[in-house]
Amino acid sequence: MTIVVGYIPTDEGMAAVDHAIAFAQRDDSRLVVVNTGHHGDNAHPLFASGADLDALDARLEEAGVEHEIRQPTAHTSAAAEILSAASEVGAELIVIGIRRRSPVGKLVTGSTAQQVLLDSECAVLAVKPAKPQRYS
């Protein structure tokens, strides 16, 4: 089985990676990690740095997961890159991180998660990062 995971260097992105690792370890699956900036903009904050990718690669190696990290720079949306990778590798699962958005934010900008959920030909797991524990 192959799992595609959409990665951005945020809590949401790491939540997606952590869940994908758990599935890959459980099912002895291969991970294809996809990171892209906004429409291929490698200056965009969501475009992972070399240090981010090195840390991610080390995390995946430590977990013992067969993997490939892709960082396309085509001028296409993140959703299109994730869906293209999933189609190319015959993925059985896509894992994406999601965050809370305001109603205005949903109206003004398109949602990568929404496009992946609606257009994917395979199962999609959308995860949120764990909330920090609050102690009184």
N, C-alpha and C. Protein backbone atom coordinates (compact mmCIF):
# COMPACT_ATOMS: atom_id res chain seq x y z
N MET A 1 0.85 -1.18 0.00
CA MET A 1 0.00 0.00 0.00
C MET A 1 0.90 1.24 0.00
N THR A 2 0.45 2.28 -0.68
CA THR A 2 1.15 3.55 -0.68
C THR A 2 0.24 4.62 -0.11
N ILE A 3 0.82 5.46 0.74
CA ILE A 3 0.10 6.56 1.37
C ILE A 3 0.76 7.86 0.93
N VAL A 4 -0.04 8.82 0.49
CA VAL A 4 0.46 10.15 0.16
C VAL A 4 0.08 11.06 1.31
N VAL A 5 1.04 11.87 1.76
CA VAL A 5 0.78 12.81 2.86
C VAL A 5 1.16 14.21 2.41
N GLY A 6 0.22 15.14 2.60
CA GLY A 6 0.49 16.53 2.32
C GLY A 6 1.20 17.13 3.52
N TYR A 7 2.39 17.69 3.30
CA TYR A 7 3.19 18.20 4.41
C TYR A 7 3.46 19.68 4.23
N ILE A 8 3.24 20.43 5.30
CA ILE A 8 3.70 21.81 5.41
C ILE A 8 4.37 21.93 6.77
N PRO A 9 5.35 22.82 6.91
CA PRO A 9 6.09 22.90 8.18
C PRO A 9 5.31 23.66 9.26
N THR A 10 4.20 23.05 9.69
CA THR A 10 3.32 23.61 10.72
C THR A 10 2.88 22.46 11.62
N ASP A 11 2.16 22.80 12.69
CA ASP A 11 1.58 21.76 13.55
C ASP A 11 0.64 20.87 12.76
N GLU A 12 -0.14 21.45 11.85
CA GLU A 12 -1.08 20.66 11.04
C GLU A 12 -0.32 19.69 10.13
N GLY A 13 0.77 20.18 9.54
CA GLY A 13 1.56 19.32 8.67
C GLY A 13 2.20 18.17 9.42
N MET A 14 2.71 18.43 10.62
CA MET A 14 3.31 17.36 11.42
C MET A 14 2.26 16.38 11.92
N ALA A 15 1.05 16.87 12.20
CA ALA A 15 -0.03 15.95 12.60
C ALA A 15 -0.32 14.98 11.46
N ALA A 16 -0.34 15.49 10.23
CA ALA A 16 -0.57 14.62 9.07
C ALA A 16 0.55 13.59 8.94
N VAL A 17 1.79 14.04 9.09
CA VAL A 17 2.93 13.13 8.99
C VAL A 17 2.87 12.06 10.09
N ASP A 18 2.59 12.48 11.31
CA ASP A 18 2.54 11.52 12.42
C ASP A 18 1.47 10.46 12.20
N HIS A 19 0.30 10.86 11.73
CA HIS A 19 -0.77 9.88 11.45
C HIS A 19 -0.38 8.97 10.28
N ALA A 20 0.24 9.55 9.26
CA ALA A 20 0.67 8.74 8.12
C ALA A 20 1.73 7.72 8.54
N ILE A 21 2.64 8.12 9.41
CA ILE A 21 3.65 7.19 9.92
C ILE A 21 2.98 6.03 10.66
N ALA A 22 2.00 6.34 11.49
CA ALA A 22 1.31 5.29 12.25
C ALA A 22 0.65 4.29 11.30
N PHE A 23 0.00 4.77 10.26
CA PHE A 23 -0.63 3.86 9.28
C PHE A 23 0.43 3.07 8.54
N ALA A 24 1.52 3.74 8.12
CA ALA A 24 2.57 3.07 7.36
C ALA A 24 3.23 1.97 8.19
N GLN A 25 3.47 2.23 9.47
CA GLN A 25 4.06 1.21 10.33
C GLN A 25 3.10 0.05 10.54
N ARG A 26 1.84 0.36 10.73
CA ARG A 26 0.84 -0.69 10.97
C ARG A 26 0.68 -1.60 9.76
N ASP A 27 0.66 -0.99 8.56
CA ASP A 27 0.36 -1.75 7.35
C ASP A 27 1.58 -2.01 6.47
N ASP A 28 2.79 -1.68 6.98
CA ASP A 28 4.03 -1.82 6.21
C ASP A 28 3.89 -1.14 4.85
N SER A 29 3.46 0.12 4.89
CA SER A 29 3.21 0.90 3.69
C SER A 29 4.35 1.86 3.39
N ARG A 30 4.37 2.30 2.18
CA ARG A 30 5.32 3.30 1.71
C ARG A 30 4.66 4.68 1.77
N LEU A 31 5.42 5.70 2.19
CA LEU A 31 4.90 7.06 2.23
C LEU A 31 5.50 7.89 1.10
N VAL A 32 4.65 8.69 0.47
CA VAL A 32 5.10 9.71 -0.47
C VAL A 32 4.66 11.04 0.14
N VAL A 33 5.64 11.83 0.56
CA VAL A 33 5.38 13.11 1.21
C VAL A 33 5.46 14.21 0.15
N VAL A 34 4.42 15.05 0.10
CA VAL A 34 4.37 16.13 -0.88
C VAL A 34 4.35 17.47 -0.15
N ASN A 35 5.30 18.34 -0.50
CA ASN A 35 5.33 19.70 0.04
C ASN A 35 5.48 20.67 -1.12
N THR A 36 4.64 21.69 -1.14
CA THR A 36 4.77 22.73 -2.15
C THR A 36 4.34 24.05 -1.55
N GLY A 37 4.91 25.12 -2.05
CA GLY A 37 4.46 26.45 -1.64
C GLY A 37 3.18 26.80 -2.37
N HIS A 38 2.70 27.97 -2.15
CA HIS A 38 1.48 28.43 -2.82
C HIS A 38 1.73 28.50 -4.32
N HIS A 39 1.10 27.61 -5.08
CA HIS A 39 1.25 27.53 -6.53
C HIS A 39 2.72 27.47 -6.95
N GLY A 40 3.50 26.66 -6.23
CA GLY A 40 4.90 26.43 -6.57
C GLY A 40 5.85 27.53 -6.16
N ASP A 41 5.39 28.47 -5.36
CA ASP A 41 6.24 29.59 -4.92
C ASP A 41 7.19 29.11 -3.83
N ASN A 42 8.47 28.92 -4.18
CA ASN A 42 9.41 28.39 -3.20
C ASN A 42 9.85 29.44 -2.18
N ALA A 43 9.34 30.66 -2.28
CA ALA A 43 9.59 31.67 -1.25
C ALA A 43 8.44 31.73 -0.24
N HIS A 44 7.37 30.99 -0.50
CA HIS A 44 6.20 30.97 0.38
C HIS A 44 6.56 30.26 1.69
N PRO A 45 6.03 30.74 2.82
CA PRO A 45 6.37 30.12 4.12
C PRO A 45 5.99 28.64 4.24
N LEU A 46 5.05 28.17 3.43
CA LEU A 46 4.66 26.76 3.52
C LEU A 46 5.58 25.85 2.70
N PHE A 47 6.47 26.44 1.92
CA PHE A 47 7.47 25.67 1.18
C PHE A 47 8.57 25.32 2.17
N ALA A 48 8.70 24.06 2.48
CA ALA A 48 9.63 23.62 3.52
C ALA A 48 11.07 23.93 3.15
N SER A 49 11.84 24.35 4.15
CA SER A 49 13.26 24.64 3.95
C SER A 49 14.04 23.33 3.88
N GLY A 50 15.28 23.42 3.49
CA GLY A 50 16.15 22.24 3.49
C GLY A 50 16.25 21.62 4.87
N ALA A 51 16.34 22.47 5.90
CA ALA A 51 16.41 21.97 7.28
C ALA A 51 15.13 21.24 7.66
N ASP A 52 13.97 21.79 7.24
CA ASP A 52 12.68 21.13 7.51
C ASP A 52 12.66 19.74 6.87
N LEU A 53 13.09 19.66 5.62
CA LEU A 53 13.06 18.39 4.90
C LEU A 53 14.06 17.39 5.47
N ASP A 54 15.23 17.89 5.90
CA ASP A 54 16.20 16.99 6.53
C ASP A 54 15.64 16.41 7.83
N ALA A 55 14.98 17.26 8.63
CA ALA A 55 14.38 16.79 9.89
C ALA A 55 13.26 15.79 9.61
N LEU A 56 12.47 16.06 8.58
CA LEU A 56 11.39 15.15 8.20
C LEU A 56 11.96 13.81 7.74
N ASP A 57 12.98 13.86 6.90
CA ASP A 57 13.62 12.63 6.43
C ASP A 57 14.17 11.82 7.59
N ALA A 58 14.82 12.50 8.55
CA ALA A 58 15.36 11.81 9.73
C ALA A 58 14.23 11.18 10.55
N ARG A 59 13.12 11.89 10.69
CA ARG A 59 11.96 11.37 11.44
C ARG A 59 11.42 10.10 10.78
N LEU A 60 11.32 10.12 9.46
CA LEU A 60 10.80 8.96 8.73
C LEU A 60 11.78 7.79 8.77
N GLU A 61 13.07 8.08 8.66
CA GLU A 61 14.10 7.04 8.78
C GLU A 61 14.04 6.39 10.17
N GLU A 62 13.97 7.24 11.20
CA GLU A 62 13.90 6.75 12.58
C GLU A 62 12.68 5.87 12.80
N ALA A 63 11.59 6.20 12.12
CA ALA A 63 10.35 5.42 12.25
C ALA A 63 10.41 4.12 11.45
N GLY A 64 11.45 3.99 10.61
CA GLY A 64 11.59 2.77 9.81
C GLY A 64 10.60 2.68 8.68
N VAL A 65 10.19 3.83 8.13
CA VAL A 65 9.18 3.86 7.09
C VAL A 65 9.83 4.12 5.74
N GLU A 66 9.54 3.25 4.77
CA GLU A 66 10.00 3.50 3.40
C GLU A 66 9.30 4.76 2.91
N HIS A 67 10.07 5.68 2.32
CA HIS A 67 9.45 6.96 1.96
C HIS A 67 10.17 7.65 0.81
N GLU A 68 9.46 8.61 0.27
CA GLU A 68 9.98 9.50 -0.77
C GLU A 68 9.43 10.88 -0.43
N ILE A 69 10.26 11.90 -0.52
CA ILE A 69 9.82 13.27 -0.27
C ILE A 69 9.87 14.03 -1.58
N ARG A 70 8.73 14.61 -1.95
CA ARG A 70 8.64 15.38 -3.19
C ARG A 70 8.38 16.85 -2.85
N GLN A 71 9.03 17.72 -3.59
CA GLN A 71 8.82 19.15 -3.41
C GLN A 71 8.70 19.79 -4.80
N PRO A 72 7.56 19.59 -5.44
CA PRO A 72 7.39 20.13 -6.79
C PRO A 72 7.34 21.66 -6.79
N THR A 73 7.82 22.25 -7.87
CA THR A 73 7.83 23.71 -7.98
C THR A 73 7.00 24.19 -9.17
N ALA A 74 6.16 23.33 -9.70
CA ALA A 74 5.27 23.74 -10.79
C ALA A 74 4.28 24.77 -10.25
N HIS A 75 3.76 25.56 -11.12
CA HIS A 75 2.82 26.60 -10.70
C HIS A 75 1.40 26.05 -10.64
N THR A 76 1.23 25.02 -9.80
CA THR A 76 -0.09 24.44 -9.58
C THR A 76 -0.38 24.46 -8.09
N SER A 77 -1.63 24.24 -7.74
CA SER A 77 -2.03 24.28 -6.33
C SER A 77 -1.49 23.09 -5.57
N ALA A 78 -1.41 23.24 -4.27
CA ALA A 78 -0.98 22.13 -3.41
C ALA A 78 -1.92 20.94 -3.58
N ALA A 79 -3.21 21.21 -3.65
CA ALA A 79 -4.18 20.13 -3.82
C ALA A 79 -3.92 19.37 -5.12
N ALA A 80 -3.66 20.09 -6.19
CA ALA A 80 -3.40 19.45 -7.48
C ALA A 80 -2.14 18.58 -7.41
N GLU A 81 -1.12 19.05 -6.71
CA GLU A 81 0.12 18.27 -6.57
C GLU A 81 -0.11 17.01 -5.74
N ILE A 82 -0.87 17.14 -4.66
CA ILE A 82 -1.18 15.98 -3.81
C ILE A 82 -1.99 14.96 -4.59
N LEU A 83 -3.02 15.42 -5.29
CA LEU A 83 -3.88 14.52 -6.07
C LEU A 83 -3.11 13.88 -7.21
N SER A 84 -2.22 14.63 -7.84
CA SER A 84 -1.40 14.08 -8.93
C SER A 84 -0.46 12.99 -8.41
N ALA A 85 0.17 13.25 -7.29
CA ALA A 85 1.06 12.24 -6.70
C ALA A 85 0.28 10.98 -6.34
N ALA A 86 -0.90 11.16 -5.75
CA ALA A 86 -1.72 10.01 -5.37
C ALA A 86 -2.10 9.18 -6.58
N SER A 87 -2.47 9.84 -7.65
CA SER A 87 -2.83 9.14 -8.88
C SER A 87 -1.62 8.42 -9.47
N GLU A 88 -0.49 9.11 -9.51
CA GLU A 88 0.73 8.54 -10.09
C GLU A 88 1.19 7.28 -9.37
N VAL A 89 1.13 7.27 -8.04
CA VAL A 89 1.64 6.12 -7.27
C VAL A 89 0.55 5.11 -6.92
N GLY A 90 -0.69 5.37 -7.33
CA GLY A 90 -1.78 4.46 -7.00
C GLY A 90 -2.06 4.41 -5.51
N ALA A 91 -2.03 5.56 -4.87
CA ALA A 91 -2.22 5.62 -3.41
C ALA A 91 -3.58 5.07 -3.00
N GLU A 92 -3.58 4.42 -1.87
CA GLU A 92 -4.82 3.94 -1.28
C GLU A 92 -5.33 4.88 -0.21
N LEU A 93 -4.48 5.82 0.23
CA LEU A 93 -4.85 6.76 1.27
C LEU A 93 -4.06 8.05 1.09
N ILE A 94 -4.75 9.18 1.32
CA ILE A 94 -4.11 10.49 1.40
C ILE A 94 -4.35 10.99 2.81
N VAL A 95 -3.30 11.52 3.44
CA VAL A 95 -3.43 12.10 4.78
C VAL A 95 -3.08 13.58 4.68
N ILE A 96 -3.99 14.42 5.20
CA ILE A 96 -3.76 15.87 5.19
C ILE A 96 -4.06 16.43 6.57
N GLY A 97 -3.37 17.50 6.90
CA GLY A 97 -3.64 18.22 8.14
C GLY A 97 -4.63 19.34 7.85
N ILE A 98 -5.50 19.60 8.79
CA ILE A 98 -6.47 20.68 8.61
C ILE A 98 -6.42 21.63 9.79
N ARG A 99 -6.88 22.83 9.56
CA ARG A 99 -6.94 23.83 10.62
C ARG A 99 -8.30 24.49 10.59
N ARG A 100 -8.62 25.13 11.69
CA ARG A 100 -9.89 25.85 11.77
C ARG A 100 -9.77 27.12 10.95
N ARG A 101 -10.82 27.42 10.18
CA ARG A 101 -10.85 28.64 9.37
C ARG A 101 -12.14 29.38 9.65
N SER A 102 -12.06 30.69 9.57
CA SER A 102 -13.27 31.50 9.76
C SER A 102 -14.17 31.36 8.54
N PRO A 103 -15.46 31.64 8.70
CA PRO A 103 -16.36 31.59 7.54
C PRO A 103 -15.91 32.50 6.40
N VAL A 104 -15.39 33.68 6.73
CA VAL A 104 -14.90 34.59 5.69
C VAL A 104 -13.68 33.99 5.00
N GLY A 105 -12.79 33.39 5.77
CA GLY A 105 -11.62 32.74 5.20
C GLY A 105 -12.00 31.63 4.24
N LYS A 106 -13.04 30.90 4.55
CA LYS A 106 -13.51 29.83 3.67
C LYS A 106 -14.07 30.38 2.37
N LEU A 107 -14.71 31.55 2.47
CA LEU A 107 -15.33 32.16 1.30
C LEU A 107 -14.29 32.80 0.38
N VAL A 108 -13.32 33.49 0.98
CA VAL A 108 -12.36 34.27 0.20
C VAL A 108 -11.31 33.40 -0.47
N THR A 109 -10.80 32.41 0.24
CA THR A 109 -9.74 31.58 -0.33
C THR A 109 -10.22 30.14 -0.48
N GLY A 110 -9.71 29.48 -1.51
CA GLY A 110 -10.05 28.07 -1.69
C GLY A 110 -9.34 27.23 -0.66
N SER A 111 -9.88 26.09 -0.37
CA SER A 111 -9.30 25.22 0.64
C SER A 111 -8.64 24.02 -0.02
N THR A 112 -7.34 23.87 0.28
CA THR A 112 -6.62 22.70 -0.22
C THR A 112 -7.30 21.43 0.27
N ALA A 113 -7.63 21.41 1.56
CA ALA A 113 -8.27 20.23 2.14
C ALA A 113 -9.59 19.92 1.43
N GLN A 114 -10.38 20.95 1.19
CA GLN A 114 -11.68 20.74 0.54
C GLN A 114 -11.49 20.15 -0.86
N GLN A 115 -10.54 20.69 -1.62
CA GLN A 115 -10.33 20.17 -2.97
C GLN A 115 -9.85 18.72 -2.93
N VAL A 116 -8.94 18.41 -2.01
CA VAL A 116 -8.45 17.03 -1.90
C VAL A 116 -9.60 16.09 -1.51
N LEU A 117 -10.39 16.50 -0.52
CA LEU A 117 -11.51 15.66 -0.08
C LEU A 117 -12.51 15.42 -1.20
N LEU A 118 -12.81 16.43 -1.97
CA LEU A 118 -13.83 16.30 -3.02
C LEU A 118 -13.33 15.60 -4.28
N ASP A 119 -12.05 15.79 -4.61
CA ASP A 119 -11.55 15.30 -5.90
C ASP A 119 -10.73 14.01 -5.82
N SER A 120 -10.42 13.53 -4.63
CA SER A 120 -9.60 12.34 -4.51
C SER A 120 -10.34 11.09 -4.97
N GLU A 121 -9.58 10.21 -5.60
CA GLU A 121 -10.13 8.92 -6.03
C GLU A 121 -9.90 7.84 -4.98
N CYS A 122 -9.19 8.19 -3.89
CA CYS A 122 -8.96 7.22 -2.83
C CYS A 122 -9.41 7.82 -1.50
N ALA A 123 -9.30 7.04 -0.45
CA ALA A 123 -9.70 7.51 0.88
C ALA A 123 -8.80 8.66 1.32
N VAL A 124 -9.38 9.59 2.08
CA VAL A 124 -8.64 10.73 2.61
C VAL A 124 -8.87 10.79 4.11
N LEU A 125 -7.77 10.93 4.85
CA LEU A 125 -7.82 11.11 6.29
C LEU A 125 -7.40 12.55 6.58
N ALA A 126 -8.31 13.33 7.15
CA ALA A 126 -8.01 14.72 7.51
C ALA A 126 -7.85 14.78 9.03
N VAL A 127 -6.70 15.29 9.48
CA VAL A 127 -6.39 15.29 10.92
C VAL A 127 -6.08 16.70 11.40
N LYS A 128 -6.32 16.91 12.68
CA LYS A 128 -5.97 18.16 13.35
C LYS A 128 -4.84 17.87 14.32
N PRO A 129 -4.02 18.88 14.60
CA PRO A 129 -3.00 18.66 15.63
C PRO A 129 -3.66 18.53 17.01
N ALA A 130 -3.02 17.81 17.88
CA ALA A 130 -3.55 17.65 19.23
C ALA A 130 -3.54 19.01 19.93
N LYS A 131 -4.56 19.23 20.73
CA LYS A 131 -4.61 20.46 21.52
C LYS A 131 -3.64 20.31 22.69
N PRO A 132 -2.96 21.40 23.05
CA PRO A 132 -2.09 21.30 24.23
C PRO A 132 -2.90 21.04 25.48
N GLN A 133 -2.32 20.25 26.36
CA GLN A 133 -2.98 19.95 27.64
C GLN A 133 -3.01 21.20 28.51
N ARG A 134 -4.14 21.45 29.14
CA ARG A 134 -4.23 22.57 30.07
C ARG A 134 -4.40 22.01 31.48
N TYR A 135 -3.55 22.48 32.35
CA TYR A 135 -3.59 22.01 33.73
C TYR A 135 -3.98 23.18 34.62
N SER A 136 -4.87 22.93 35.59
CA SER A 136 -5.26 24.01 36.48
C SER A 136 -4.42 24.03 37.72
